[in-house]
Amino acid sequence: MNAIADDVVPSFCWDRNLTIGQIRRDLRDATGFEWVRLASWILREAPTGDVWLFLRPEEVQVNLRDLEPFLGRRREFWRYILGAWHELGRL
């Protein structure tokens, strides 16, 4: 995906008025459960390609156990994607 300006509100923020820059800052500043809450929201709501505007695959892989309880029906999708990337040597 091409670079998007920090002042753009992404489509998955239909229920929140957050810009790309705000989400990135919030992720950078968050720790512990607050980071898990925010990252799992992105993994659950954002289109797959948009996820990587905010998170790195390695970051998701390392934190998957903490993220999984909050992924809802997207849990199996992320397990599959990360597992496939691992098998291909990308993670």
N, C-alpha and C. Protein backbone atom coordinates (compact mmCIF):
# COMPACT_ATOMS: atom_id res chain seq x y z
N MET A 1 0.84 -1.17 0.00
CA MET A 1 0.00 0.00 0.00
C MET A 1 0.89 1.24 0.00
N ASN A 2 0.50 2.24 -0.73
CA ASN A 2 1.26 3.49 -0.78
C ASN A 2 1.18 4.22 0.54
N ALA A 3 2.14 5.09 0.76
CA ALA A 3 2.15 5.89 1.98
C ALA A 3 0.89 6.76 2.02
N ILE A 4 0.32 6.86 3.17
CA ILE A 4 -0.89 7.66 3.37
C ILE A 4 -0.58 8.71 4.41
N ALA A 5 -1.07 9.90 4.20
CA ALA A 5 -0.82 11.02 5.12
C ALA A 5 -1.33 10.70 6.53
N ASP A 6 -0.59 11.17 7.50
CA ASP A 6 -0.94 10.93 8.90
C ASP A 6 -2.28 11.54 9.32
N ASP A 7 -2.78 12.52 8.57
CA ASP A 7 -4.04 13.18 8.97
C ASP A 7 -5.28 12.53 8.37
N VAL A 8 -5.11 11.41 7.67
CA VAL A 8 -6.23 10.68 7.07
C VAL A 8 -6.88 9.78 8.12
N VAL A 9 -8.21 9.76 8.13
CA VAL A 9 -8.95 8.84 8.99
C VAL A 9 -9.19 7.57 8.17
N PRO A 10 -8.64 6.42 8.59
CA PRO A 10 -8.80 5.20 7.81
C PRO A 10 -10.25 4.70 7.81
N SER A 11 -10.61 3.96 6.79
CA SER A 11 -11.99 3.48 6.63
C SER A 11 -12.46 2.61 7.80
N PHE A 12 -11.55 1.89 8.45
CA PHE A 12 -11.97 1.02 9.54
C PHE A 12 -12.26 1.78 10.83
N CYS A 13 -12.06 3.08 10.82
CA CYS A 13 -12.37 3.92 11.99
C CYS A 13 -13.79 4.48 11.89
N TRP A 14 -14.71 3.67 11.42
CA TRP A 14 -16.07 4.12 11.25
C TRP A 14 -16.72 4.53 12.57
N ASP A 15 -16.23 3.99 13.67
CA ASP A 15 -16.82 4.30 14.98
C ASP A 15 -15.90 5.18 15.85
N ARG A 16 -14.79 5.63 15.28
CA ARG A 16 -13.83 6.44 16.03
C ARG A 16 -13.28 7.50 15.09
N ASN A 17 -12.98 8.64 15.61
CA ASN A 17 -12.42 9.71 14.80
C ASN A 17 -10.91 9.77 15.06
N LEU A 18 -10.21 8.74 14.59
CA LEU A 18 -8.76 8.66 14.78
C LEU A 18 -8.07 8.72 13.43
N THR A 19 -7.00 9.48 13.38
CA THR A 19 -6.22 9.54 12.14
C THR A 19 -5.13 8.47 12.17
N ILE A 20 -4.53 8.25 11.02
CA ILE A 20 -3.42 7.31 10.94
C ILE A 20 -2.31 7.72 11.91
N GLY A 21 -1.99 9.00 11.95
CA GLY A 21 -0.96 9.49 12.86
C GLY A 21 -1.30 9.25 14.32
N GLN A 22 -2.56 9.46 14.69
CA GLN A 22 -2.97 9.23 16.08
C GLN A 22 -2.87 7.75 16.45
N ILE A 23 -3.28 6.89 15.54
CA ILE A 23 -3.21 5.45 15.82
C ILE A 23 -1.75 5.03 15.98
N ARG A 24 -0.90 5.50 15.10
CA ARG A 24 0.53 5.15 15.20
C ARG A 24 1.13 5.65 16.52
N ARG A 25 0.79 6.87 16.91
CA ARG A 25 1.30 7.42 18.18
C ARG A 25 0.77 6.61 19.36
N ASP A 26 -0.52 6.30 19.32
CA ASP A 26 -1.11 5.52 20.41
C ASP A 26 -0.44 4.16 20.54
N LEU A 27 -0.18 3.50 19.41
CA LEU A 27 0.51 2.20 19.45
C LEU A 27 1.93 2.34 20.00
N ARG A 28 2.62 3.37 19.57
CA ARG A 28 4.00 3.59 20.02
C ARG A 28 4.05 3.85 21.52
N ASP A 29 3.08 4.59 22.03
CA ASP A 29 3.08 4.99 23.45
C ASP A 29 2.44 3.95 24.37
N ALA A 30 1.63 3.06 23.81
CA ALA A 30 0.90 2.09 24.63
C ALA A 30 1.83 0.99 25.12
N THR A 31 1.50 0.46 26.27
CA THR A 31 2.23 -0.67 26.83
C THR A 31 1.22 -1.70 27.35
N GLY A 32 1.68 -2.91 27.50
CA GLY A 32 0.86 -3.95 28.13
C GLY A 32 -0.50 -4.12 27.49
N PHE A 33 -1.51 -4.19 28.34
CA PHE A 33 -2.86 -4.45 27.88
C PHE A 33 -3.37 -3.37 26.94
N GLU A 34 -2.99 -2.14 27.13
CA GLU A 34 -3.45 -1.06 26.25
C GLU A 34 -2.94 -1.29 24.81
N TRP A 35 -1.70 -1.75 24.66
CA TRP A 35 -1.17 -2.07 23.34
C TRP A 35 -1.93 -3.25 22.73
N VAL A 36 -2.16 -4.29 23.52
CA VAL A 36 -2.90 -5.46 23.05
C VAL A 36 -4.30 -5.05 22.60
N ARG A 37 -4.96 -4.23 23.36
CA ARG A 37 -6.31 -3.78 23.02
C ARG A 37 -6.32 -3.05 21.68
N LEU A 38 -5.38 -2.14 21.50
CA LEU A 38 -5.32 -1.35 20.27
C LEU A 38 -4.90 -2.21 19.07
N ALA A 39 -3.89 -3.05 19.25
CA ALA A 39 -3.42 -3.90 18.16
C ALA A 39 -4.49 -4.90 17.75
N SER A 40 -5.20 -5.48 18.71
CA SER A 40 -6.23 -6.45 18.36
C SER A 40 -7.39 -5.78 17.65
N TRP A 41 -7.71 -4.54 18.00
CA TRP A 41 -8.74 -3.78 17.27
C TRP A 41 -8.34 -3.62 15.81
N ILE A 42 -7.08 -3.27 15.57
CA ILE A 42 -6.58 -3.10 14.20
C ILE A 42 -6.65 -4.43 13.45
N LEU A 43 -6.20 -5.50 14.06
CA LEU A 43 -6.22 -6.81 13.41
C LEU A 43 -7.64 -7.29 13.12
N ARG A 44 -8.57 -6.90 13.95
CA ARG A 44 -9.96 -7.31 13.80
C ARG A 44 -10.70 -6.47 12.75
N GLU A 45 -10.43 -5.17 12.73
CA GLU A 45 -11.25 -4.25 11.95
C GLU A 45 -10.63 -3.77 10.65
N ALA A 46 -9.33 -3.65 10.59
CA ALA A 46 -8.68 -3.08 9.41
C ALA A 46 -8.62 -4.10 8.27
N PRO A 47 -8.73 -3.63 7.03
CA PRO A 47 -8.44 -4.52 5.91
C PRO A 47 -7.00 -5.04 6.06
N THR A 48 -6.78 -6.26 5.66
CA THR A 48 -5.48 -6.91 5.88
C THR A 48 -4.31 -6.04 5.43
N GLY A 49 -4.40 -5.45 4.26
CA GLY A 49 -3.32 -4.60 3.75
C GLY A 49 -3.06 -3.38 4.62
N ASP A 50 -4.10 -2.86 5.25
CA ASP A 50 -3.95 -1.67 6.10
C ASP A 50 -3.30 -1.99 7.44
N VAL A 51 -3.41 -3.24 7.88
CA VAL A 51 -2.82 -3.64 9.16
C VAL A 51 -1.34 -3.27 9.20
N TRP A 52 -0.66 -3.46 8.07
CA TRP A 52 0.79 -3.27 8.03
C TRP A 52 1.19 -1.79 8.00
N LEU A 53 0.23 -0.90 7.93
CA LEU A 53 0.52 0.52 8.13
C LEU A 53 0.84 0.80 9.59
N PHE A 54 0.41 -0.10 10.47
CA PHE A 54 0.50 0.13 11.91
C PHE A 54 1.34 -0.91 12.65
N LEU A 55 1.30 -2.14 12.20
CA LEU A 55 1.95 -3.24 12.91
C LEU A 55 2.92 -3.97 11.99
N ARG A 56 3.96 -4.55 12.58
CA ARG A 56 4.89 -5.39 11.83
C ARG A 56 4.50 -6.86 12.04
N PRO A 57 4.65 -7.69 11.01
CA PRO A 57 4.29 -9.11 11.18
C PRO A 57 4.99 -9.76 12.38
N GLU A 58 6.26 -9.43 12.59
CA GLU A 58 7.01 -10.01 13.72
C GLU A 58 6.39 -9.62 15.05
N GLU A 59 5.91 -8.41 15.13
CA GLU A 59 5.28 -7.89 16.34
C GLU A 59 3.98 -8.67 16.63
N VAL A 60 3.22 -8.93 15.58
CA VAL A 60 1.98 -9.68 15.74
C VAL A 60 2.30 -11.11 16.17
N GLN A 61 3.27 -11.72 15.52
CA GLN A 61 3.67 -13.10 15.83
C GLN A 61 4.09 -13.24 17.29
N VAL A 62 4.95 -12.36 17.75
CA VAL A 62 5.46 -12.43 19.12
C VAL A 62 4.35 -12.25 20.16
N ASN A 63 3.35 -11.46 19.83
CA ASN A 63 2.28 -11.14 20.78
C ASN A 63 0.99 -11.90 20.51
N LEU A 64 1.02 -12.88 19.62
CA LEU A 64 -0.21 -13.55 19.19
C LEU A 64 -0.99 -14.16 20.35
N ARG A 65 -0.33 -14.78 21.28
CA ARG A 65 -1.05 -15.39 22.42
C ARG A 65 -1.87 -14.37 23.20
N ASP A 66 -1.32 -13.18 23.37
CA ASP A 66 -2.05 -12.13 24.08
C ASP A 66 -3.15 -11.53 23.22
N LEU A 67 -2.94 -11.49 21.91
CA LEU A 67 -3.90 -10.88 20.99
C LEU A 67 -5.09 -11.79 20.70
N GLU A 68 -4.85 -13.10 20.62
CA GLU A 68 -5.88 -14.05 20.19
C GLU A 68 -7.22 -13.93 20.90
N PRO A 69 -7.28 -13.77 22.21
CA PRO A 69 -8.59 -13.70 22.86
C PRO A 69 -9.45 -12.52 22.39
N PHE A 70 -8.85 -11.54 21.73
CA PHE A 70 -9.56 -10.33 21.33
C PHE A 70 -9.78 -10.24 19.82
N LEU A 71 -9.45 -11.30 19.10
CA LEU A 71 -9.54 -11.26 17.64
C LEU A 71 -10.87 -11.75 17.08
N GLY A 72 -11.69 -12.35 17.92
CA GLY A 72 -13.00 -12.81 17.45
C GLY A 72 -12.87 -13.76 16.27
N ARG A 73 -13.73 -13.59 15.29
CA ARG A 73 -13.72 -14.51 14.14
C ARG A 73 -12.50 -14.36 13.24
N ARG A 74 -11.69 -13.34 13.48
CA ARG A 74 -10.46 -13.17 12.71
C ARG A 74 -9.29 -13.97 13.29
N ARG A 75 -9.48 -14.60 14.43
CA ARG A 75 -8.41 -15.36 15.10
C ARG A 75 -7.81 -16.42 14.18
N GLU A 76 -8.64 -17.25 13.60
CA GLU A 76 -8.14 -18.33 12.73
C GLU A 76 -7.46 -17.78 11.49
N PHE A 77 -7.97 -16.69 10.96
CA PHE A 77 -7.34 -16.06 9.80
C PHE A 77 -5.92 -15.67 10.13
N TRP A 78 -5.69 -14.99 11.26
CA TRP A 78 -4.34 -14.55 11.62
C TRP A 78 -3.44 -15.72 11.98
N ARG A 79 -3.98 -16.75 12.61
CA ARG A 79 -3.18 -17.96 12.86
C ARG A 79 -2.70 -18.55 11.55
N TYR A 80 -3.61 -18.63 10.57
CA TYR A 80 -3.26 -19.19 9.27
C TYR A 80 -2.19 -18.34 8.57
N ILE A 81 -2.42 -17.05 8.49
CA ILE A 81 -1.47 -16.14 7.80
C ILE A 81 -0.09 -16.23 8.43
N LEU A 82 -0.02 -16.09 9.73
CA LEU A 82 1.28 -16.11 10.41
C LEU A 82 1.93 -17.48 10.31
N GLY A 83 1.13 -18.55 10.39
CA GLY A 83 1.67 -19.89 10.23
C GLY A 83 2.24 -20.11 8.83
N ALA A 84 1.53 -19.64 7.83
CA ALA A 84 2.01 -19.78 6.45
C ALA A 84 3.30 -18.98 6.24
N TRP A 85 3.35 -17.79 6.76
CA TRP A 85 4.57 -16.97 6.64
C TRP A 85 5.74 -17.64 7.36
N HIS A 86 5.44 -18.26 8.50
CA HIS A 86 6.49 -18.98 9.23
C HIS A 86 7.02 -20.16 8.38
N GLU A 87 6.11 -20.92 7.82
CA GLU A 87 6.50 -22.06 6.98
C GLU A 87 7.31 -21.62 5.76
N LEU A 88 7.01 -20.46 5.23
CA LEU A 88 7.74 -19.93 4.07
C LEU A 88 9.04 -19.23 4.45
N GLY A 89 9.34 -19.20 5.74
CA GLY A 89 10.57 -18.56 6.20
C GLY A 89 10.51 -17.04 6.23
N ARG A 90 9.32 -16.49 6.23
CA ARG A 90 9.17 -15.04 6.24
C ARG A 90 9.08 -14.49 7.66
N LEU A 91 8.86 -15.38 8.61
CA LEU A 91 8.82 -14.98 10.02
C LEU A 91 9.72 -15.91 10.81
